[in-house]
Amino acid sequence: MSDTAVTFAATIVTPSGTQEEYNIRHLRAPGSAGDFGVLAGHLPLMTGLRIGAIYLDTDKGRITWATAGGYIEVLSDHVTILAENAERADEIDRERAEAARDRALGRLSVKEADLDIKRARLALARALNRLKVVSEVGRG
């Protein structure tokens, strides 16, 4: 048996125009019903994504993305990720993520009648996810 793992294509697309293509051996993503993994030859699947990390294992190592949701389409030889927002771990600005976390925490600590709590909690979750992802890759 060969040491070479079977690979397949993965594309990440965001509304801002980010489009990255990879040749990967494995993908792990935060599905709306829980985390899941994909290998080449996977049965077709389309599901929502929640806030979390996307891990792409390539021949050159792992590439990690922080995502704020979207959709993923899995075919036997290709995965397309349509992300509401996605940042590659090596491009996350830790100071900016910390500032976003602090703003969200500050908004949640104030008792205002017109505060959109759901929006503030989502902002906090996105900031915490970005901080988690940047810490996992050793940039934090």
C-alpha atoms as a PDB file:
ATOM      1  CA  MET A   1       0.000   0.000   0.000  1.00  0.00           C
ATOM      2  CA  SER A   2       1.277   3.468  -0.873  1.00  0.00           C
ATOM      3  CA  ASP A   3       1.972   6.209   1.695  1.00  0.00           C
ATOM      4  CA  THR A   4       0.384   8.722  -0.669  1.00  0.00           C
ATOM      5  CA  ALA A   5      -3.120   9.595   0.492  1.00  0.00           C
ATOM      6  CA  VAL A   6      -5.829  10.183  -2.062  1.00  0.00           C
ATOM      7  CA  THR A   7      -6.447  13.897  -2.498  1.00  0.00           C
ATOM      8  CA  PHE A   8      -9.335  15.992  -3.729  1.00  0.00           C
ATOM      9  CA  ALA A   9      -9.999  19.656  -4.499  1.00  0.00           C
ATOM     10  CA  ALA A  10     -11.376  22.197  -2.044  1.00  0.00           C
ATOM     11  CA  THR A  11     -12.440  25.754  -2.833  1.00  0.00           C
ATOM     12  CA  ILE A  12     -13.278  28.482  -0.315  1.00  0.00           C
ATOM     13  CA  VAL A  13     -15.363  31.422  -1.548  1.00  0.00           C
ATOM     14  CA  THR A  14     -16.533  34.469   0.444  1.00  0.00           C
ATOM     15  CA  PRO A  15     -18.807  37.401  -0.465  1.00  0.00           C
ATOM     16  CA  SER A  16     -15.752  39.688  -0.421  1.00  0.00           C
ATOM     17  CA  GLY A  17     -14.319  37.713  -3.317  1.00  0.00           C
ATOM     18  CA  THR A  18     -11.836  35.578  -1.408  1.00  0.00           C
ATOM     19  CA  GLN A  19     -11.351  32.410  -3.394  1.00  0.00           C
ATOM     20  CA  GLU A  20      -8.701  29.897  -2.475  1.00  0.00           C
ATOM     21  CA  GLU A  21      -8.206  26.474  -3.974  1.00  0.00           C
ATOM     22  CA  TYR A  22      -6.412  23.580  -2.344  1.00  0.00           C
ATOM     23  CA  ASN A  23      -5.563  19.964  -3.035  1.00  0.00           C
ATOM     24  CA  ILE A  24      -6.330  18.222   0.260  1.00  0.00           C
ATOM     25  CA  ARG A  25      -6.356  14.792   1.893  1.00  0.00           C
ATOM     26  CA  HIS A  26      -8.863  15.589   4.639  1.00  0.00           C
ATOM     27  CA  LEU A  27     -11.177  18.375   5.717  1.00  0.00           C
ATOM     28  CA  ARG A  28     -12.841  18.986   9.072  1.00  0.00           C
ATOM     29  CA  ALA A  29     -15.591  21.595   9.312  1.00  0.00           C
ATOM     30  CA  PRO A  30     -18.120  22.964  11.837  1.00  0.00           C
ATOM     31  CA  GLY A  31     -21.419  21.768  10.385  1.00  0.00           C
ATOM     32  CA  SER A  32     -24.727  23.137  11.586  1.00  0.00           C
ATOM     33  CA  ALA A  33     -25.443  19.724  13.169  1.00  0.00           C
ATOM     34  CA  GLY A  34     -21.906  19.199  14.507  1.00  0.00           C
ATOM     35  CA  ASP A  35     -18.326  18.893  13.297  1.00  0.00           C
ATOM     36  CA  PHE A  36     -17.688  16.491  10.452  1.00  0.00           C
ATOM     37  CA  GLY A  37     -14.806  15.220   8.333  1.00  0.00           C
ATOM     38  CA  VAL A  38     -14.468  14.577   4.630  1.00  0.00           C
ATOM     39  CA  LEU A  39     -12.139  12.279   2.693  1.00  0.00           C
ATOM     40  CA  ALA A  40     -11.930  11.721  -1.066  1.00  0.00           C
ATOM     41  CA  GLY A  41     -14.877   9.725  -2.353  1.00  0.00           C
ATOM     42  CA  HIS A  42     -17.284  11.082   0.286  1.00  0.00           C
ATOM     43  CA  LEU A  43     -20.967  10.743  -0.502  1.00  0.00           C
ATOM     44  CA  PRO A  44     -22.545  13.981  -1.742  1.00  0.00           C
ATOM     45  CA  LEU A  45     -23.619  16.306   1.056  1.00  0.00           C
ATOM     46  CA  MET A  46     -24.770  19.879   1.431  1.00  0.00           C
ATOM     47  CA  THR A  47     -25.068  21.436   4.869  1.00  0.00           C
ATOM     48  CA  GLY A  48     -24.837  24.699   6.711  1.00  0.00           C
ATOM     49  CA  LEU A  49     -21.747  25.854   8.573  1.00  0.00           C
ATOM     50  CA  ARG A  50     -21.694  27.502  11.984  1.00  0.00           C
ATOM     51  CA  ILE A  51     -19.034  29.674  13.593  1.00  0.00           C
ATOM     52  CA  GLY A  52     -15.892  27.576  13.996  1.00  0.00           C
ATOM     53  CA  ALA A  53     -12.672  26.396  12.402  1.00  0.00           C
ATOM     54  CA  ILE A  54     -12.178  24.686   9.063  1.00  0.00           C
ATOM     55  CA  TYR A  55      -9.119  22.422   8.922  1.00  0.00           C
ATOM     56  CA  LEU A  56      -7.637  21.484   5.558  1.00  0.00           C
ATOM     57  CA  ASP A  57      -4.908  18.821   5.593  1.00  0.00           C
ATOM     58  CA  THR A  58      -2.622  19.171   2.579  1.00  0.00           C
ATOM     59  CA  ASP A  59       0.651  17.522   1.565  1.00  0.00           C
ATOM     60  CA  LYS A  60       2.397  20.631   2.958  1.00  0.00           C
ATOM     61  CA  GLY A  61       0.629  20.618   6.324  1.00  0.00           C
ATOM     62  CA  ARG A  62      -2.573  21.864   7.882  1.00  0.00           C
ATOM     63  CA  ILE A  63      -4.245  25.100   6.816  1.00  0.00           C
ATOM     64  CA  THR A  64      -6.800  26.486   9.253  1.00  0.00           C
ATOM     65  CA  TRP A  65      -9.576  28.961   8.528  1.00  0.00           C
ATOM     66  CA  ALA A  66     -11.880  30.757  10.972  1.00  0.00           C
ATOM     67  CA  THR A  67     -15.400  30.907   9.582  1.00  0.00           C
ATOM     68  CA  ALA A  68     -18.530  32.709  10.675  1.00  0.00           C
ATOM     69  CA  GLY A  69     -20.953  30.392   8.907  1.00  0.00           C
ATOM     70  CA  GLY A  70     -22.137  29.658   5.413  1.00  0.00           C
ATOM     71  CA  TYR A  71     -22.629  26.457   3.440  1.00  0.00           C
ATOM     72  CA  ILE A  72     -20.539  23.544   2.236  1.00  0.00           C
ATOM     73  CA  GLU A  73     -21.145  21.280  -0.738  1.00  0.00           C
ATOM     74  CA  VAL A  74     -19.315  17.959  -0.714  1.00  0.00           C
ATOM     75  CA  LEU A  75     -18.947  15.892  -3.884  1.00  0.00           C
ATOM     76  CA  SER A  76     -16.830  12.755  -4.289  1.00  0.00           C
ATOM     77  CA  ASP A  77     -13.877  14.694  -5.752  1.00  0.00           C
ATOM     78  CA  HIS A  78     -14.473  18.320  -4.745  1.00  0.00           C
ATOM     79  CA  VAL A  79     -15.633  20.432  -1.804  1.00  0.00           C
ATOM     80  CA  THR A  80     -16.934  23.978  -2.182  1.00  0.00           C
ATOM     81  CA  ILE A  81     -17.218  26.159   0.916  1.00  0.00           C
ATOM     82  CA  LEU A  82     -19.409  29.248   0.550  1.00  0.00           C
ATOM     83  CA  ALA A  83     -18.495  31.137   3.710  1.00  0.00           C
ATOM     84  CA  GLU A  84     -20.301  34.187   5.058  1.00  0.00           C
ATOM     85  CA  ASN A  85     -16.898  35.242   6.318  1.00  0.00           C
ATOM     86  CA  ALA A  86     -13.616  33.337   6.465  1.00  0.00           C
ATOM     87  CA  GLU A  87     -10.069  34.211   7.419  1.00  0.00           C
ATOM     88  CA  ARG A  88      -7.004  32.045   7.087  1.00  0.00           C
ATOM     89  CA  ALA A  89      -5.338  31.645  10.492  1.00  0.00           C
ATOM     90  CA  ASP A  90      -2.078  33.217   9.329  1.00  0.00           C
ATOM     91  CA  GLU A  91      -3.969  36.363   8.269  1.00  0.00           C
ATOM     92  CA  ILE A  92      -5.887  36.949  11.509  1.00  0.00           C
ATOM     93  CA  ASP A  93      -4.886  40.125  13.328  1.00  0.00           C
ATOM     94  CA  ARG A  94      -4.841  39.110  17.018  1.00  0.00           C
ATOM     95  CA  GLU A  95      -5.079  42.693  18.292  1.00  0.00           C
ATOM     96  CA  ARG A  96      -8.107  43.381  16.099  1.00  0.00           C
ATOM     97  CA  ALA A  97      -9.783  40.161  17.273  1.00  0.00           C
ATOM     98  CA  GLU A  98      -9.100  41.059  20.914  1.00  0.00           C
ATOM     99  CA  ALA A  99     -10.560  44.544  20.359  1.00  0.00           C
ATOM    100  CA  ALA A 100     -13.692  42.997  18.791  1.00  0.00           C
ATOM    101  CA  ARG A 101     -14.019  40.627  21.766  1.00  0.00           C
ATOM    102  CA  ASP A 102     -13.660  43.506  24.226  1.00  0.00           C
ATOM    103  CA  ARG A 103     -16.253  45.629  22.363  1.00  0.00           C
ATOM    104  CA  ALA A 104     -18.744  42.749  22.369  1.00  0.00           C
ATOM    105  CA  LEU A 105     -18.166  42.058  26.075  1.00  0.00           C
ATOM    106  CA  GLY A 106     -18.585  45.762  26.819  1.00  0.00           C
ATOM    107  CA  ARG A 107     -21.873  45.912  24.925  1.00  0.00           C
ATOM    108  CA  LEU A 108     -23.163  42.832  26.736  1.00  0.00           C
ATOM    109  CA  SER A 109     -22.232  44.254  30.156  1.00  0.00           C
ATOM    110  CA  VAL A 110     -24.361  47.380  29.647  1.00  0.00           C
ATOM    111  CA  LYS A 111     -28.066  47.066  30.345  1.00  0.00           C
ATOM    112  CA  GLU A 112     -29.591  49.019  27.461  1.00  0.00           C
ATOM    113  CA  ALA A 113     -33.167  48.540  26.373  1.00  0.00           C
ATOM    114  CA  ASP A 114     -32.308  48.834  22.682  1.00  0.00           C
ATOM    115  CA  LEU A 115     -29.262  46.523  22.809  1.00  0.00           C
ATOM    116  CA  ASP A 116     -29.417  43.782  20.200  1.00  0.00           C
ATOM    117  CA  ILE A 117     -28.225  40.966  22.474  1.00  0.00           C
ATOM    118  CA  LYS A 118     -28.256  38.337  19.744  1.00  0.00           C
ATOM    119  CA  ARG A 119     -26.032  40.480  17.513  1.00  0.00           C
ATOM    120  CA  ALA A 120     -23.632  41.231  20.375  1.00  0.00           C
ATOM    121  CA  ARG A 121     -23.405  37.521  21.287  1.00  0.00           C
ATOM    122  CA  LEU A 122     -22.683  36.617  17.651  1.00  0.00           C
ATOM    123  CA  ALA A 123     -19.966  39.275  17.503  1.00  0.00           C
ATOM    124  CA  LEU A 124     -18.452  37.825  20.681  1.00  0.00           C
ATOM    125  CA  ALA A 125     -18.598  34.263  19.292  1.00  0.00           C
ATOM    126  CA  ARG A 126     -16.887  35.352  16.048  1.00  0.00           C
ATOM    127  CA  ALA A 127     -14.132  37.175  17.947  1.00  0.00           C
ATOM    128  CA  LEU A 128     -13.544  34.242  20.316  1.00  0.00           C
ATOM    129  CA  ASN A 129     -13.378  31.858  17.358  1.00  0.00           C
ATOM    130  CA  ARG A 130     -10.787  34.021  15.599  1.00  0.00           C
ATOM    131  CA  LEU A 131      -8.705  34.139  18.804  1.00  0.00           C
ATOM    132  CA  LYS A 132      -8.968  30.360  19.215  1.00  0.00           C
ATOM    133  CA  VAL A 133      -7.882  29.733  15.619  1.00  0.00           C
ATOM    134  CA  VAL A 134      -4.933  32.129  15.775  1.00  0.00           C
ATOM    135  CA  SER A 135      -3.822  30.578  19.090  1.00  0.00           C
ATOM    136  CA  GLU A 136      -4.008  27.024  17.674  1.00  0.00           C
ATOM    137  CA  VAL A 137      -1.514  27.820  14.932  1.00  0.00           C
ATOM    138  CA  GLY A 138       0.969  29.358  17.345  1.00  0.00           C
ATOM    139  CA  ARG A 139       0.587  33.005  16.422  1.00  0.00           C
ATOM    140  CA  GLY A 140      -0.948  33.918  19.765  1.00  0.00           C
END
